[in-house]
Full PDB file with SEQRES, HELIX, SHEET, SSBOND, CRYST1, ORIGX, SCALE, CONECT and MASTER records, all heavy atoms in Angstrom:
SEQRES   1 A   37  VAL ASP ASN TYR ASN ASP SER GLY TRP ARG TYR VAL LEU          
SEQRES   2 A   37  PHE VAL MET VAL LEU VAL GLY TYR PHE VAL ALA GLY PHE          
SEQRES   3 A   37  LEU ALA GLY ARG ARG ALA PRO GLY GLY ALA LEU                  
HELIX    1 AA1 TYR A    4  ASP A    6  5                                   3    
HELIX    2 AA2 TRP A    9  ARG A   31  1                                  23    
HELIX    3 AA3 PRO A   33  GLY A   35  5                                   3    
CRYST1    1.000    1.000    1.000  90.00  90.00  90.00 P 1           1          
ORIGX1      1.000000  0.000000  0.000000        0.00000                         
ORIGX2      0.000000  1.000000  0.000000        0.00000                         
ORIGX3      0.000000  0.000000  1.000000        0.00000                         
SCALE1      1.000000  0.000000  0.000000        0.00000                         
SCALE2      0.000000  1.000000  0.000000        0.00000                         
SCALE3      0.000000  0.000000  1.000000        0.00000                         
ATOM      1  N   VAL A   1      14.150   4.309  17.046  1.00  0.00           N  
ATOM      2  CA  VAL A   1      15.236   4.557  16.106  1.00  0.00           C  
ATOM      3  C   VAL A   1      15.685   6.018  16.226  1.00  0.00           C  
ATOM      4  O   VAL A   1      14.863   6.935  16.144  1.00  0.00           O  
ATOM      5  CB  VAL A   1      14.795   4.257  14.659  1.00  0.00           C  
ATOM      6  CG1 VAL A   1      15.855   4.663  13.660  1.00  0.00           C  
ATOM      7  CG2 VAL A   1      14.442   2.793  14.507  1.00  0.00           C  
ATOM      8  N   ASP A   2      16.985   6.205  16.426  1.00  0.00           N  
ATOM      9  CA  ASP A   2      17.536   7.556  16.449  1.00  0.00           C  
ATOM     10  C   ASP A   2      17.482   8.129  15.036  1.00  0.00           C  
ATOM     11  O   ASP A   2      17.720   7.427  14.060  1.00  0.00           O  
ATOM     12  CB  ASP A   2      18.985   7.540  16.941  1.00  0.00           C  
ATOM     13  CG  ASP A   2      19.086   7.086  18.387  1.00  0.00           C  
ATOM     14  OD1 ASP A   2      18.103   7.270  19.142  1.00  0.00           O  
ATOM     15  OD2 ASP A   2      20.134   6.524  18.758  1.00  0.00           O  
ATOM     16  N   ASN A   3      17.192   9.405  14.924  1.00  0.00           N  
ATOM     17  CA  ASN A   3      17.099  10.073  13.626  1.00  0.00           C  
ATOM     18  C   ASN A   3      16.106   9.373  12.699  1.00  0.00           C  
ATOM     19  O   ASN A   3      16.373   9.179  11.516  1.00  0.00           O  
ATOM     20  CB  ASN A   3      18.459  10.172  12.935  1.00  0.00           C  
ATOM     21  CG  ASN A   3      19.182  11.429  13.321  1.00  0.00           C  
ATOM     22  OD1 ASN A   3      18.574  12.369  13.813  1.00  0.00           O  
ATOM     23  ND2 ASN A   3      20.474  11.430  13.100  1.00  0.00           N  
ATOM     24  N   TYR A   4      14.977   8.997  13.247  1.00  0.00           N  
ATOM     25  CA  TYR A   4      13.981   8.260  12.470  1.00  0.00           C  
ATOM     26  C   TYR A   4      13.521   9.043  11.244  1.00  0.00           C  
ATOM     27  O   TYR A   4      13.343   8.475  10.166  1.00  0.00           O  
ATOM     28  CB  TYR A   4      12.788   7.904  13.356  1.00  0.00           C  
ATOM     29  CG  TYR A   4      11.661   7.267  12.604  1.00  0.00           C  
ATOM     30  CD1 TYR A   4      11.810   6.007  12.033  1.00  0.00           C  
ATOM     31  CD2 TYR A   4      10.443   7.916  12.430  1.00  0.00           C  
ATOM     32  CE1 TYR A   4      10.790   5.411  11.324  1.00  0.00           C  
ATOM     33  CE2 TYR A   4       9.422   7.335  11.732  1.00  0.00           C  
ATOM     34  CZ  TYR A   4       9.592   6.084  11.175  1.00  0.00           C  
ATOM     35  OH  TYR A   4       8.583   5.497  10.474  1.00  0.00           O  
ATOM     36  N   ASN A   5      13.329  10.353  11.390  1.00  0.00           N  
ATOM     37  CA  ASN A   5      12.853  11.152  10.256  1.00  0.00           C  
ATOM     38  C   ASN A   5      13.840  11.175   9.101  1.00  0.00           C  
ATOM     39  O   ASN A   5      13.455  11.421   7.960  1.00  0.00           O  
ATOM     40  CB  ASN A   5      12.544  12.584  10.700  1.00  0.00           C  
ATOM     41  CG  ASN A   5      11.303  12.637  11.563  1.00  0.00           C  
ATOM     42  OD1 ASN A   5      10.426  11.789  11.452  1.00  0.00           O  
ATOM     43  ND2 ASN A   5      11.232  13.632  12.422  1.00  0.00           N  
ATOM     44  N   ASP A   6      15.109  10.929   9.369  1.00  0.00           N  
ATOM     45  CA  ASP A   6      16.122  10.912   8.317  1.00  0.00           C  
ATOM     46  C   ASP A   6      16.482   9.502   7.858  1.00  0.00           C  
ATOM     47  O   ASP A   6      17.382   9.327   7.049  1.00  0.00           O  
ATOM     48  CB  ASP A   6      17.393  11.627   8.802  1.00  0.00           C  
ATOM     49  CG  ASP A   6      17.132  13.094   9.113  1.00  0.00           C  
ATOM     50  OD1 ASP A   6      16.289  13.697   8.419  1.00  0.00           O  
ATOM     51  OD2 ASP A   6      17.757  13.628  10.036  1.00  0.00           O  
ATOM     52  N   SER A   7      15.805   8.512   8.389  1.00  0.00           N  
ATOM     53  CA  SER A   7      16.134   7.128   8.025  1.00  0.00           C  
ATOM     54  C   SER A   7      15.319   6.685   6.811  1.00  0.00           C  
ATOM     55  O   SER A   7      14.380   7.357   6.381  1.00  0.00           O  
ATOM     56  CB  SER A   7      15.857   6.187   9.200  1.00  0.00           C  
ATOM     57  OG  SER A   7      14.459   6.036   9.391  1.00  0.00           O  
ATOM     58  N   GLY A   8      15.654   5.550   6.279  1.00  0.00           N  
ATOM     59  CA  GLY A   8      14.944   4.999   5.124  1.00  0.00           C  
ATOM     60  C   GLY A   8      13.641   4.324   5.484  1.00  0.00           C  
ATOM     61  O   GLY A   8      12.895   3.905   4.592  1.00  0.00           O  
ATOM     62  N   TRP A   9      13.359   4.195   6.772  1.00  0.00           N  
ATOM     63  CA  TRP A   9      12.137   3.509   7.185  1.00  0.00           C  
ATOM     64  C   TRP A   9      10.883   4.229   6.712  1.00  0.00           C  
ATOM     65  O   TRP A   9       9.870   3.595   6.429  1.00  0.00           O  
ATOM     66  CB  TRP A   9      12.097   3.354   8.707  1.00  0.00           C  
ATOM     67  CG  TRP A   9      12.974   2.268   9.189  1.00  0.00           C  
ATOM     68  CD1 TRP A   9      14.131   2.389   9.893  1.00  0.00           C  
ATOM     69  CD2 TRP A   9      12.772   0.869   8.989  1.00  0.00           C  
ATOM     70  NE1 TRP A   9      14.670   1.154  10.142  1.00  0.00           N  
ATOM     71  CE2 TRP A   9      13.854   0.198   9.598  1.00  0.00           C  
ATOM     72  CE3 TRP A   9      11.804   0.108   8.345  1.00  0.00           C  
ATOM     73  CZ2 TRP A   9      13.969  -1.183   9.588  1.00  0.00           C  
ATOM     74  CZ3 TRP A   9      11.923  -1.272   8.343  1.00  0.00           C  
ATOM     75  CH2 TRP A   9      12.997  -1.897   8.962  1.00  0.00           C  
ATOM     76  N   ARG A  10      10.922   5.540   6.635  1.00  0.00           N  
ATOM     77  CA  ARG A  10       9.759   6.302   6.162  1.00  0.00           C  
ATOM     78  C   ARG A  10       9.342   5.851   4.766  1.00  0.00           C  
ATOM     79  O   ARG A  10       8.164   5.716   4.475  1.00  0.00           O  
ATOM     80  CB  ARG A  10      10.072   7.798   6.144  1.00  0.00           C  
ATOM     81  CG  ARG A  10      10.196   8.409   7.478  1.00  0.00           C  
ATOM     82  CD  ARG A  10       8.889   8.997   7.879  1.00  0.00           C  
ATOM     83  NE  ARG A  10       9.056   9.708   9.139  1.00  0.00           N  
ATOM     84  CZ  ARG A  10       8.058  10.047   9.874  1.00  0.00           C  
ATOM     85  NH1 ARG A  10       6.841   9.767   9.495  1.00  0.00           N  
ATOM     86  NH2 ARG A  10       8.252  10.665  11.001  1.00  0.00           N  
ATOM     87  N   TYR A  11      10.327   5.618   3.912  1.00  0.00           N  
ATOM     88  CA  TYR A  11      10.029   5.208   2.530  1.00  0.00           C  
ATOM     89  C   TYR A  11       9.468   3.789   2.483  1.00  0.00           C  
ATOM     90  O   TYR A  11       8.549   3.509   1.713  1.00  0.00           O  
ATOM     91  CB  TYR A  11      11.280   5.321   1.663  1.00  0.00           C  
ATOM     92  CG  TYR A  11      11.854   6.713   1.675  1.00  0.00           C  
ATOM     93  CD1 TYR A  11      13.060   6.980   2.300  1.00  0.00           C  
ATOM     94  CD2 TYR A  11      11.165   7.771   1.082  1.00  0.00           C  
ATOM     95  CE1 TYR A  11      13.574   8.270   2.333  1.00  0.00           C  
ATOM     96  CE2 TYR A  11      11.671   9.056   1.113  1.00  0.00           C  
ATOM     97  CZ  TYR A  11      12.867   9.303   1.735  1.00  0.00           C  
ATOM     98  OH  TYR A  11      13.372  10.570   1.770  1.00  0.00           O  
ATOM     99  N   VAL A  12      10.017   2.925   3.304  1.00  0.00           N  
ATOM    100  CA  VAL A  12       9.518   1.543   3.357  1.00  0.00           C  
ATOM    101  C   VAL A  12       8.056   1.529   3.810  1.00  0.00           C  
ATOM    102  O   VAL A  12       7.215   0.834   3.233  1.00  0.00           O  
ATOM    103  CB  VAL A  12      10.396   0.688   4.294  1.00  0.00           C  
ATOM    104  CG1 VAL A  12       9.773  -0.676   4.531  1.00  0.00           C  
ATOM    105  CG2 VAL A  12      11.803   0.568   3.750  1.00  0.00           C  
ATOM    106  N   LEU A  13       7.734   2.326   4.819  1.00  0.00           N  
ATOM    107  CA  LEU A  13       6.362   2.360   5.325  1.00  0.00           C  
ATOM    108  C   LEU A  13       5.416   3.038   4.345  1.00  0.00           C  
ATOM    109  O   LEU A  13       4.247   2.652   4.233  1.00  0.00           O  
ATOM    110  CB  LEU A  13       6.324   3.040   6.688  1.00  0.00           C  
ATOM    111  CG  LEU A  13       7.063   2.254   7.775  1.00  0.00           C  
ATOM    112  CD1 LEU A  13       7.110   3.042   9.061  1.00  0.00           C  
ATOM    113  CD2 LEU A  13       6.412   0.905   7.998  1.00  0.00           C  
ATOM    114  N   PHE A  14       5.915   4.023   3.592  1.00  0.00           N  
ATOM    115  CA  PHE A  14       5.076   4.636   2.574  1.00  0.00           C  
ATOM    116  C   PHE A  14       4.744   3.618   1.481  1.00  0.00           C  
ATOM    117  O   PHE A  14       3.607   3.558   1.008  1.00  0.00           O  
ATOM    118  CB  PHE A  14       5.753   5.873   1.966  1.00  0.00           C  
ATOM    119  CG  PHE A  14       4.914   6.537   0.923  1.00  0.00           C  
ATOM    120  CD1 PHE A  14       3.725   7.177   1.264  1.00  0.00           C  
ATOM    121  CD2 PHE A  14       5.289   6.523  -0.407  1.00  0.00           C  
ATOM    122  CE1 PHE A  14       2.934   7.788   0.299  1.00  0.00           C  
ATOM    123  CE2 PHE A  14       4.512   7.129  -1.374  1.00  0.00           C  
ATOM    124  CZ  PHE A  14       3.333   7.768  -1.025  1.00  0.00           C  
ATOM    125  N   VAL A  15       5.706   2.817   1.105  1.00  0.00           N  
ATOM    126  CA  VAL A  15       5.451   1.758   0.120  1.00  0.00           C  
ATOM    127  C   VAL A  15       4.438   0.766   0.689  1.00  0.00           C  
ATOM    128  O   VAL A  15       3.562   0.273  -0.031  1.00  0.00           O  
ATOM    129  CB  VAL A  15       6.761   1.065  -0.301  1.00  0.00           C  
ATOM    130  CG1 VAL A  15       6.488  -0.194  -1.104  1.00  0.00           C  
ATOM    131  CG2 VAL A  15       7.630   2.019  -1.105  1.00  0.00           C  
ATOM    132  N   MET A  16       4.511   0.493   1.984  1.00  0.00           N  
ATOM    133  CA  MET A  16       3.548  -0.404   2.618  1.00  0.00           C  
ATOM    134  C   MET A  16       2.133   0.183   2.529  1.00  0.00           C  
ATOM    135  O   MET A  16       1.162  -0.549   2.293  1.00  0.00           O  
ATOM    136  CB  MET A  16       3.942  -0.650   4.074  1.00  0.00           C  
ATOM    137  CG  MET A  16       3.175  -1.720   4.763  1.00  0.00           C  
ATOM    138  SD  MET A  16       3.927  -2.037   6.382  1.00  0.00           S  
ATOM    139  CE  MET A  16       2.721  -3.150   7.068  1.00  0.00           C  
ATOM    140  N   VAL A  17       2.001   1.485   2.692  1.00  0.00           N  
ATOM    141  CA  VAL A  17       0.702   2.143   2.548  1.00  0.00           C  
ATOM    142  C   VAL A  17       0.203   2.000   1.108  1.00  0.00           C  
ATOM    143  O   VAL A  17      -0.975   1.688   0.872  1.00  0.00           O  
ATOM    144  CB  VAL A  17       0.797   3.631   2.960  1.00  0.00           C  
ATOM    145  CG1 VAL A  17      -0.440   4.400   2.550  1.00  0.00           C  
ATOM    146  CG2 VAL A  17       1.022   3.744   4.464  1.00  0.00           C  
ATOM    147  N   LEU A  18       1.094   2.205   0.151  1.00  0.00           N  
ATOM    148  CA  LEU A  18       0.710   2.052  -1.258  1.00  0.00           C  
ATOM    149  C   LEU A  18       0.255   0.625  -1.545  1.00  0.00           C  
ATOM    150  O   LEU A  18      -0.714   0.402  -2.277  1.00  0.00           O  
ATOM    151  CB  LEU A  18       1.866   2.435  -2.171  1.00  0.00           C  
ATOM    152  CG  LEU A  18       2.364   3.881  -2.083  1.00  0.00           C  
ATOM    153  CD1 LEU A  18       3.534   4.094  -3.032  1.00  0.00           C  
ATOM    154  CD2 LEU A  18       1.253   4.870  -2.339  1.00  0.00           C  
ATOM    155  N   VAL A  19       0.936  -0.341  -0.962  1.00  0.00           N  
ATOM    156  CA  VAL A  19       0.550  -1.747  -1.118  1.00  0.00           C  
ATOM    157  C   VAL A  19      -0.840  -1.968  -0.534  1.00  0.00           C  
ATOM    158  O   VAL A  19      -1.653  -2.714  -1.096  1.00  0.00           O  
ATOM    159  CB  VAL A  19       1.600  -2.682  -0.473  1.00  0.00           C  
ATOM    160  CG1 VAL A  19       1.080  -4.099  -0.340  1.00  0.00           C  
ATOM    161  CG2 VAL A  19       2.888  -2.658  -1.275  1.00  0.00           C  
ATOM    162  N   GLY A  20      -1.152  -1.311   0.575  1.00  0.00           N  
ATOM    163  CA  GLY A  20      -2.485  -1.431   1.167  1.00  0.00           C  
ATOM    164  C   GLY A  20      -3.579  -0.973   0.213  1.00  0.00           C  
ATOM    165  O   GLY A  20      -4.614  -1.628   0.070  1.00  0.00           O  
ATOM    166  N   TYR A  21      -3.355   0.155  -0.461  1.00  0.00           N  
ATOM    167  CA  TYR A  21      -4.334   0.641  -1.442  1.00  0.00           C  
ATOM    168  C   TYR A  21      -4.464  -0.335  -2.610  1.00  0.00           C  
ATOM    169  O   TYR A  21      -5.568  -0.621  -3.073  1.00  0.00           O  
ATOM    170  CB  TYR A  21      -3.917   2.004  -1.989  1.00  0.00           C  
ATOM    171  CG  TYR A  21      -3.850   3.104  -0.951  1.00  0.00           C  
ATOM    172  CD1 TYR A  21      -2.901   4.113  -1.064  1.00  0.00           C  
ATOM    173  CD2 TYR A  21      -4.721   3.160   0.125  1.00  0.00           C  
ATOM    174  CE1 TYR A  21      -2.825   5.141  -0.145  1.00  0.00           C  
ATOM    175  CE2 TYR A  21      -4.650   4.177   1.055  1.00  0.00           C  
ATOM    176  CZ  TYR A  21      -3.702   5.172   0.919  1.00  0.00           C  
ATOM    177  OH  TYR A  21      -3.630   6.179   1.831  1.00  0.00           O  
ATOM    178  N   PHE A  22      -3.332  -0.837  -3.076  1.00  0.00           N  
ATOM    179  CA  PHE A  22      -3.336  -1.772  -4.205  1.00  0.00           C  
ATOM    180  C   PHE A  22      -4.057  -3.067  -3.833  1.00  0.00           C  
ATOM    181  O   PHE A  22      -4.873  -3.572  -4.614  1.00  0.00           O  
ATOM    182  CB  PHE A  22      -1.906  -2.064  -4.655  1.00  0.00           C  
ATOM    183  CG  PHE A  22      -1.827  -3.086  -5.748  1.00  0.00           C  
ATOM    184  CD1 PHE A  22      -2.025  -2.720  -7.065  1.00  0.00           C  
ATOM    185  CD2 PHE A  22      -1.570  -4.418  -5.461  1.00  0.00           C  
ATOM    186  CE1 PHE A  22      -1.968  -3.663  -8.082  1.00  0.00           C  
ATOM    187  CE2 PHE A  22      -1.516  -5.369  -6.458  1.00  0.00           C  
ATOM    188  CZ  PHE A  22      -1.721  -4.988  -7.781  1.00  0.00           C  
ATOM    189  N   VAL A  23      -3.755  -3.610  -2.667  1.00  0.00           N  
ATOM    190  CA  VAL A  23      -4.373  -4.872  -2.234  1.00  0.00           C  
ATOM    191  C   VAL A  23      -5.885  -4.702  -2.098  1.00  0.00           C  
ATOM    192  O   VAL A  23      -6.653  -5.592  -2.488  1.00  0.00           O  
ATOM    193  CB  VAL A  23      -3.736  -5.371  -0.917  1.00  0.00           C  
ATOM    194  CG1 VAL A  23      -4.546  -6.470  -0.274  1.00  0.00           C  
ATOM    195  CG2 VAL A  23      -2.311  -5.831  -1.168  1.00  0.00           C  
ATOM    196  N   ALA A  24      -6.322  -3.563  -1.568  1.00  0.00           N  
ATOM    197  CA  ALA A  24      -7.764  -3.320  -1.454  1.00  0.00           C  
ATOM    198  C   ALA A  24      -8.412  -3.358  -2.833  1.00  0.00           C  
ATOM    199  O   ALA A  24      -9.452  -3.996  -3.023  1.00  0.00           O  
ATOM    200  CB  ALA A  24      -8.017  -1.980  -0.770  1.00  0.00           C  
ATOM    201  N   GLY A  25      -7.805  -2.693  -3.797  1.00  0.00           N  
ATOM    202  CA  GLY A  25      -8.348  -2.707  -5.146  1.00  0.00           C  
ATOM    203  C   GLY A  25      -8.304  -4.087  -5.780  1.00  0.00           C  
ATOM    204  O   GLY A  25      -9.247  -4.504  -6.462  1.00  0.00           O  
ATOM    205  N   PHE A  26      -7.208  -4.801  -5.564  1.00  0.00           N  
ATOM    206  CA  PHE A  26      -7.050  -6.142  -6.120  1.00  0.00           C  
ATOM    207  C   PHE A  26      -8.152  -7.069  -5.615  1.00  0.00           C  
ATOM    208  O   PHE A  26      -8.785  -7.792  -6.392  1.00  0.00           O  
ATOM    209  CB  PHE A  26      -5.674  -6.705  -5.741  1.00  0.00           C  
ATOM    210  CG  PHE A  26      -5.385  -8.053  -6.332  1.00  0.00           C  
ATOM    211  CD1 PHE A  26      -4.857  -8.160  -7.604  1.00  0.00           C  
ATOM    212  CD2 PHE A  26      -5.640  -9.216  -5.613  1.00  0.00           C  
ATOM    213  CE1 PHE A  26      -4.591  -9.409  -8.165  1.00  0.00           C  
ATOM    214  CE2 PHE A  26      -5.376 -10.458  -6.149  1.00  0.00           C  
ATOM    215  CZ  PHE A  26      -4.856 -10.561  -7.431  1.00  0.00           C  
ATOM    216  N   LEU A  27      -8.389  -7.037  -4.313  1.00  0.00           N  
ATOM    217  CA  LEU A  27      -9.417  -7.907  -3.740  1.00  0.00           C  
ATOM    218  C   LEU A  27     -10.808  -7.531  -4.244  1.00  0.00           C  
ATOM    219  O   LEU A  27     -11.637  -8.403  -4.510  1.00  0.00           O  
ATOM    220  CB  LEU A  27      -9.362  -7.864  -2.221  1.00  0.00           C  
ATOM    221  CG  LEU A  27      -8.114  -8.476  -1.585  1.00  0.00           C  
ATOM    222  CD1 LEU A  27      -8.124  -8.256  -0.085  1.00  0.00           C  
ATOM    223  CD2 LEU A  27      -8.006  -9.955  -1.921  1.00  0.00           C  
ATOM    224  N   ALA A  28     -11.060  -6.236  -4.381  1.00  0.00           N  
ATOM    225  CA  ALA A  28     -12.371  -5.806  -4.884  1.00  0.00           C  
ATOM    226  C   ALA A  28     -12.558  -6.239  -6.336  1.00  0.00           C  
ATOM    227  O   ALA A  28     -13.631  -6.714  -6.713  1.00  0.00           O  
ATOM    228  CB  ALA A  28     -12.497  -4.290  -4.755  1.00  0.00           C  
ATOM    229  N   GLY A  29     -11.513  -6.091  -7.136  1.00  0.00           N  
ATOM    230  CA  GLY A  29     -11.599  -6.518  -8.531  1.00  0.00           C  
ATOM    231  C   GLY A  29     -11.752  -8.020  -8.668  1.00  0.00           C  
ATOM    232  O   GLY A  29     -12.427  -8.514  -9.564  1.00  0.00           O  
ATOM    233  N   ARG A  30     -11.125  -8.740  -7.771  1.00  0.00           N  
ATOM    234  CA  ARG A  30     -11.211 -10.201  -7.809  1.00  0.00           C  
ATOM    235  C   ARG A  30     -12.596 -10.684  -7.408  1.00  0.00           C  
ATOM    236  O   ARG A  30     -13.106 -11.654  -7.940  1.00  0.00           O  
ATOM    237  CB  ARG A  30     -10.153 -10.774  -6.869  1.00  0.00           C  
ATOM    238  CG  ARG A  30      -9.887 -12.219  -7.074  1.00  0.00           C  
ATOM    239  CD  ARG A  30      -8.690 -12.595  -6.268  1.00  0.00           C  
ATOM    240  NE  ARG A  30      -8.281 -13.930  -6.612  1.00  0.00           N  
ATOM    241  CZ  ARG A  30      -7.312 -14.571  -6.023  1.00  0.00           C  
ATOM    242  NH1 ARG A  30      -6.638 -13.966  -5.057  1.00  0.00           N  
ATOM    243  NH2 ARG A  30      -6.992 -15.776  -6.376  1.00  0.00           N  
ATOM    244  N   ARG A  31     -13.211  -9.989  -6.442  1.00  0.00           N  
ATOM    245  CA  ARG A  31     -14.539 -10.386  -5.994  1.00  0.00           C  
ATOM    246  C   ARG A  31     -15.644  -9.894  -6.922  1.00  0.00           C  
ATOM    247  O   ARG A  31     -16.742 -10.444  -6.901  1.00  0.00           O  
ATOM    248  CB  ARG A  31     -14.800  -9.851  -4.582  1.00  0.00           C  
ATOM    249  CG  ARG A  31     -13.927 -10.503  -3.550  1.00  0.00           C  
ATOM    250  CD  ARG A  31     -14.210  -9.966  -2.176  1.00  0.00           C  
ATOM    251  NE  ARG A  31     -14.383 -11.120  -1.306  1.00  0.00           N  
ATOM    252  CZ  ARG A  31     -15.331 -11.250  -0.419  1.00  0.00           C  
ATOM    253  NH1 ARG A  31     -16.205 -10.302  -0.241  1.00  0.00           N  
ATOM    254  NH2 ARG A  31     -15.404 -12.336   0.317  1.00  0.00           N  
ATOM    255  N   ALA A  32     -15.367  -8.824  -7.676  1.00  0.00           N  
ATOM    256  CA  ALA A  32     -16.376  -8.273  -8.578  1.00  0.00           C  
ATOM    257  C   ALA A  32     -15.716  -7.880  -9.894  1.00  0.00           C  
ATOM    258  O   ALA A  32     -15.539  -6.708 -10.186  1.00  0.00           O  
ATOM    259  CB  ALA A  32     -17.036  -7.058  -7.926  1.00  0.00           C  
ATOM    260  N   PRO A  33     -15.346  -8.869 -10.708  1.00  0.00           N  
ATOM    261  CA  PRO A  33     -14.616  -8.565 -11.945  1.00  0.00           C  
ATOM    262  C   PRO A  33     -15.427  -7.770 -12.962  1.00  0.00           C  
ATOM    263  O   PRO A  33     -14.854  -7.118 -13.829  1.00  0.00           O  
ATOM    264  CB  PRO A  33     -14.236  -9.939 -12.494  1.00  0.00           C  
ATOM    265  CG  PRO A  33     -15.072 -10.926 -11.783  1.00  0.00           C  
ATOM    266  CD  PRO A  33     -15.515 -10.307 -10.503  1.00  0.00           C  
ATOM    267  N   GLY A  34     -16.731  -7.767 -12.855  1.00  0.00           N  
ATOM    268  CA  GLY A  34     -17.552  -7.010 -13.800  1.00  0.00           C  
ATOM    269  C   GLY A  34     -17.430  -5.501 -13.641  1.00  0.00           C  
ATOM    270  O   GLY A  34     -17.673  -4.750 -14.572  1.00  0.00           O  
ATOM    271  N   GLY A  35     -17.067  -5.053 -12.488  1.00  0.00           N  
ATOM    272  CA  GLY A  35     -16.895  -3.618 -12.231  1.00  0.00           C  
ATOM    273  C   GLY A  35     -15.570  -3.360 -11.556  1.00  0.00           C  
ATOM    274  O   GLY A  35     -15.501  -2.682 -10.536  1.00  0.00           O  
ATOM    275  N   ALA A  36     -14.520  -3.901 -12.137  1.00  0.00           N  
ATOM    276  CA  ALA A  36     -13.203  -3.884 -11.491  1.00  0.00           C  
ATOM    277  C   ALA A  36     -12.684  -2.475 -11.221  1.00  0.00           C  
ATOM    278  O   ALA A  36     -12.181  -2.201 -10.126  1.00  0.00           O  
ATOM    279  CB  ALA A  36     -12.197  -4.657 -12.343  1.00  0.00           C  
ATOM    280  N   LEU A  37     -12.794  -1.586 -12.181  1.00  0.00           N  
ATOM    281  CA  LEU A  37     -12.276  -0.230 -11.983  1.00  0.00           C  
ATOM    282  C   LEU A  37     -13.044   0.508 -10.898  1.00  0.00           C  
ATOM    283  O   LEU A  37     -12.453   1.121 -10.010  1.00  0.00           O  
ATOM    284  CB  LEU A  37     -12.333   0.566 -13.292  1.00  0.00           C  
ATOM    285  CG  LEU A  37     -11.287   0.230 -14.339  1.00  0.00           C  
ATOM    286  CD1 LEU A  37     -11.563   0.990 -15.623  1.00  0.00           C  
ATOM    287  CD2 LEU A  37      -9.905   0.543 -13.828  1.00  0.00           C  
TER     288      LEU A  37                                                      
MASTER        0    0    0    3    0    0    0    6  287    1    0    3          
END                                                                             
């Protein structure tokens, strides 16, 4: 992508990283609800 640093893709991928952190926590809480936090 030309001008990648100025494109909106950076924000989309940052949100994808945030989703990765959330999903990791979600799965851990689902597997161990007694110590979810």
